[in-house]
Amino acid sequence: MSIRWAAIVAALFLAFSGAARAQDRGFYLGAGAGQSKALEPVDCSEGFDLNFPFTCNSHNDTATGWKAFGGYQFSKYLAAEAGYFDLGKFKTSATGLFMGFGGSTVTTQFHPTGFNVDAVGTLPIGEGFGLLARIGLFHWTLKSEINVDTIAVSSSETTSGTNVDFGLGAKWDFARNVGARVEWQRFAKIGGGDTGKSDVDLISLSLLYRFN
């Protein structure tokens, strides 16, 4: 009897260990949203050459951002992940003399989006919980727009580039195939000579589904 029970316990242990290892591998998909913040103050004249006297009315350095991503978990410690991100729209407003039109309000808007590929490391700290760290590359596209209200003039330009992104976070797998993440992620040096450059942070809450 003791040998039989030992064999049953051993079989259950191996089955459980196999299931646990299976959960540490496989594909997953996810999406998240949160607040983005441009770390460099957005100047009223950035992005376009406003060669006229103006007064800055308002500017915002925060927006609502979101991301969608997919990846493959190689082990409970390491995954490769690719995704699309939209960091929201940052706007400024200025009033001044534009082409002889007094009291013109000039509004500029900056909208960064792009794709990233990251290595994501996990440090398990308990049943279903873990700490995250990521680093990788992202290709960004920055669309800049300008509008002048008095003469219905608008213009836009688009720039792009590739830089480094990295981040930290925590995860909770609250079901076998479903989990949640809270992350801080930095997208470095978005912009160019005409628009100015800024790091943009994204603090997000994400849900993900694992196919295993």
Protein backbone atom coordinates (compact mmCIF):
# COMPACT_ATOMS: atom_id res chain seq x y z
CA MET A 1 0.00 0.00 0.00
CA SER A 2 2.76 2.45 0.90
CA ILE A 3 4.46 1.85 -2.43
CA ARG A 4 1.18 2.37 -4.26
CA TRP A 5 0.48 5.66 -2.43
CA ALA A 6 4.05 6.81 -3.06
CA ALA A 7 3.56 6.13 -6.76
CA ILE A 8 0.27 8.07 -6.80
CA VAL A 9 1.83 11.04 -4.99
CA ALA A 10 4.79 11.01 -7.37
CA ALA A 11 2.47 10.93 -10.39
CA LEU A 12 0.43 13.84 -9.05
CA PHE A 13 3.59 15.80 -8.35
CA LEU A 14 4.89 15.27 -11.87
CA ALA A 15 1.54 16.21 -13.38
CA PHE A 16 1.38 19.40 -11.31
CA SER A 17 4.97 20.29 -12.16
CA GLY A 18 4.25 19.77 -15.87
CA ALA A 19 1.18 22.02 -15.68
CA ALA A 20 3.17 24.69 -13.86
CA ARG A 21 5.90 24.57 -16.48
CA ALA A 22 3.27 24.81 -19.23
CA GLN A 23 1.91 28.00 -17.67
CA ASP A 24 5.40 29.49 -17.84
CA ARG A 25 5.55 29.10 -21.62
CA GLY A 26 3.41 30.18 -24.53
CA PHE A 27 1.90 33.10 -26.40
CA TYR A 28 -0.12 35.93 -24.87
CA LEU A 29 -2.04 39.04 -25.95
CA GLY A 30 -2.87 42.15 -23.97
CA ALA A 31 -3.95 45.77 -23.98
CA GLY A 32 -3.70 48.64 -21.55
CA ALA A 33 -4.31 52.35 -21.04
CA GLY A 34 -3.25 55.11 -18.69
CA GLN A 35 -1.65 58.55 -18.43
CA SER A 36 1.23 59.70 -20.61
CA LYS A 37 3.48 62.63 -19.77
CA ALA A 38 5.99 64.58 -21.90
CA LEU A 39 8.97 65.34 -19.65
CA GLU A 40 10.16 68.38 -21.58
CA PRO A 41 7.75 71.34 -21.27
CA VAL A 42 5.92 71.91 -24.55
CA ASP A 43 6.70 75.42 -25.79
CA CYS A 44 4.08 77.33 -27.76
CA SER A 45 6.45 77.78 -30.69
CA GLU A 46 7.84 74.23 -30.79
CA GLY A 47 7.12 72.27 -33.91
CA PHE A 48 6.66 75.36 -36.10
CA ASP A 49 8.50 78.64 -36.61
CA LEU A 50 6.17 81.31 -35.20
CA ASN A 51 7.95 84.45 -36.40
CA PHE A 52 5.59 86.92 -34.76
CA PRO A 53 5.02 88.29 -31.26
CA PHE A 54 2.83 85.92 -29.28
CA THR A 55 1.61 85.18 -25.78
CA CYS A 56 1.35 81.60 -24.59
CA ASN A 57 -2.18 80.88 -23.42
CA SER A 58 -1.95 77.25 -22.36
CA HIS A 59 -0.01 74.06 -22.81
CA ASN A 60 -0.46 70.54 -21.57
CA ASP A 61 2.22 67.93 -20.95
CA THR A 62 -0.14 65.07 -20.04
CA ALA A 63 -2.50 63.01 -22.17
CA THR A 64 -4.28 59.66 -22.27
CA GLY A 65 -2.22 56.89 -23.83
CA TRP A 66 -2.87 53.25 -24.66
CA LYS A 67 -1.08 50.20 -26.01
CA ALA A 68 -1.77 46.75 -27.45
CA PHE A 69 0.83 44.00 -27.32
CA GLY A 70 1.59 40.34 -27.82
CA GLY A 71 4.46 38.14 -26.79
CA TYR A 72 5.92 34.75 -26.10
CA GLN A 73 6.85 33.59 -22.60
CA PHE A 74 10.01 31.46 -22.79
CA SER A 75 10.11 30.75 -19.05
CA LYS A 76 8.71 32.26 -15.87
CA TYR A 77 11.64 34.69 -15.98
CA LEU A 78 11.81 35.88 -19.61
CA ALA A 79 9.51 36.88 -22.48
CA ALA A 80 9.81 38.64 -25.83
CA GLU A 81 7.10 41.20 -26.57
CA ALA A 82 6.04 43.43 -29.46
CA GLY A 83 3.33 46.07 -29.45
CA TYR A 84 1.74 49.23 -30.76
CA PHE A 85 1.42 52.36 -28.60
CA ASP A 86 -0.43 55.66 -28.85
CA LEU A 87 0.85 58.23 -26.35
CA GLY A 88 -1.99 60.70 -26.84
CA LYS A 89 -2.13 64.31 -28.02
CA PHE A 90 -0.20 67.17 -26.42
CA LYS A 91 -1.53 70.64 -27.24
CA THR A 92 -0.45 74.27 -26.88
CA SER A 93 -2.22 77.54 -27.59
CA ALA A 94 -0.77 81.02 -28.26
CA THR A 95 -2.27 84.40 -29.21
CA GLY A 96 -0.47 87.02 -31.25
CA LEU A 97 -0.12 88.98 -34.48
CA PHE A 98 -0.07 86.54 -37.39
CA MET A 99 0.31 87.92 -40.96
CA GLY A 100 -1.22 91.23 -39.83
CA PHE A 101 -4.20 89.61 -38.13
CA GLY A 102 -4.27 90.73 -34.52
CA GLY A 103 -5.61 88.43 -31.87
CA SER A 104 -4.95 85.27 -33.85
CA THR A 105 -5.00 82.09 -31.78
CA VAL A 106 -2.45 79.53 -32.93
CA THR A 107 -2.92 75.98 -31.69
CA THR A 108 -0.24 73.31 -32.06
CA GLN A 109 -0.69 69.61 -31.41
CA PHE A 110 1.84 66.79 -31.11
CA HIS A 111 0.73 63.15 -31.43
CA PRO A 112 3.37 60.38 -30.94
CA THR A 113 2.60 56.77 -31.91
CA GLY A 114 4.70 53.76 -32.82
CA PHE A 115 5.78 50.13 -32.43
CA ASN A 116 8.12 48.56 -29.89
CA VAL A 117 9.97 45.25 -29.44
CA ASP A 118 11.12 44.48 -25.88
CA ALA A 119 12.66 41.82 -23.71
CA VAL A 120 10.53 41.48 -20.55
CA GLY A 121 11.99 39.96 -17.39
CA THR A 122 9.90 38.71 -14.45
CA LEU A 123 10.95 38.15 -10.83
CA PRO A 124 8.31 35.91 -9.18
CA ILE A 125 7.51 37.04 -5.62
CA GLY A 126 4.57 34.78 -4.73
CA GLU A 127 1.68 32.81 -6.10
CA GLY A 128 0.68 34.66 -9.26
CA PHE A 129 2.63 37.82 -8.38
CA GLY A 130 5.85 39.16 -9.85
CA LEU A 131 7.97 42.22 -10.59
CA LEU A 132 8.63 43.24 -14.20
CA ALA A 133 11.45 44.99 -16.02
CA ARG A 134 11.67 45.66 -19.75
CA ILE A 135 14.08 47.11 -22.28
CA GLY A 136 13.97 47.31 -26.05
CA LEU A 137 13.65 49.48 -29.14
CA PHE A 138 10.71 51.46 -30.47
CA HIS A 139 10.02 53.12 -33.80
CA TRP A 140 8.05 56.33 -33.29
CA THR A 141 6.07 58.60 -35.58
CA LEU A 142 5.34 62.14 -34.44
CA LYS A 143 2.58 64.09 -36.18
CA SER A 144 2.62 67.86 -35.58
CA GLU A 145 -0.28 70.12 -36.52
CA ILE A 146 -0.78 73.89 -36.44
CA ASN A 147 -4.06 75.80 -36.79
CA VAL A 148 -4.66 79.57 -36.98
CA ASP A 149 -8.27 80.45 -36.19
CA THR A 150 -8.56 83.92 -37.77
CA ILE A 151 -7.65 82.88 -41.30
CA ALA A 152 -8.52 79.18 -41.15
CA VAL A 153 -4.93 78.15 -41.89
CA SER A 154 -3.74 74.69 -40.93
CA SER A 155 -0.58 72.75 -41.61
CA SER A 156 0.93 69.46 -40.51
CA GLU A 157 4.18 67.55 -40.70
CA THR A 158 5.31 64.06 -39.71
CA THR A 159 8.69 62.89 -38.45
CA SER A 160 9.88 59.48 -37.30
CA GLY A 161 12.81 57.73 -35.70
CA THR A 162 14.00 54.82 -33.57
CA ASN A 163 15.10 54.97 -29.93
CA VAL A 164 15.24 52.98 -26.69
CA ASP A 165 12.32 52.23 -24.39
CA PHE A 166 12.44 50.69 -20.91
CA GLY A 167 10.21 50.26 -17.90
CA LEU A 168 9.33 48.69 -14.56
CA GLY A 169 6.12 47.20 -13.21
CA ALA A 170 4.29 44.45 -11.36
CA LYS A 171 1.97 41.67 -12.47
CA TRP A 172 -0.76 39.55 -10.95
CA ASP A 173 -2.01 36.37 -12.62
CA PHE A 174 -5.41 36.12 -10.95
CA ALA A 175 -6.57 33.20 -13.12
CA ARG A 176 -4.83 30.42 -15.02
CA ASN A 177 -4.93 32.29 -18.34
CA VAL A 178 -5.72 35.87 -17.31
CA GLY A 179 -3.51 38.44 -15.62
CA ALA A 180 -3.06 42.14 -14.96
CA ARG A 181 -0.07 44.48 -15.06
CA VAL A 182 0.73 47.93 -13.70
CA GLU A 183 3.69 49.47 -15.52
CA TRP A 184 5.76 52.60 -15.90
CA GLN A 185 7.35 52.80 -19.35
CA ARG A 186 9.64 55.45 -20.83
CA PHE A 187 9.92 56.20 -24.55
CA ALA A 188 13.13 58.19 -25.01
CA LYS A 189 13.92 61.15 -27.26
CA ILE A 190 10.80 61.48 -29.38
CA GLY A 191 11.06 64.36 -31.85
CA GLY A 192 13.66 66.15 -33.95
CA GLY A 193 15.25 69.48 -34.72
CA ASP A 194 12.01 71.16 -35.80
CA THR A 195 9.79 69.84 -33.01
CA GLY A 196 12.25 69.54 -30.15
CA LYS A 197 12.89 66.25 -28.36
CA SER A 198 11.22 64.86 -25.26
CA ASP A 199 11.08 61.66 -23.28
CA VAL A 200 7.50 60.50 -22.81
CA ASP A 201 6.39 58.33 -19.88
CA LEU A 202 3.35 56.05 -19.87
CA ILE A 203 1.85 54.73 -16.63
CA SER A 204 -0.68 52.05 -17.56
CA LEU A 205 -2.91 49.25 -16.34
CA SER A 206 -3.11 46.27 -18.68
CA LEU A 207 -4.98 42.99 -18.96
CA LEU A 208 -3.55 39.99 -20.79
CA TYR A 209 -4.65 36.54 -21.88
CA ARG A 210 -2.26 33.57 -22.08
CA PHE A 211 -2.80 30.82 -24.67
CA ASN A 212 -1.74 27.82 -22.60
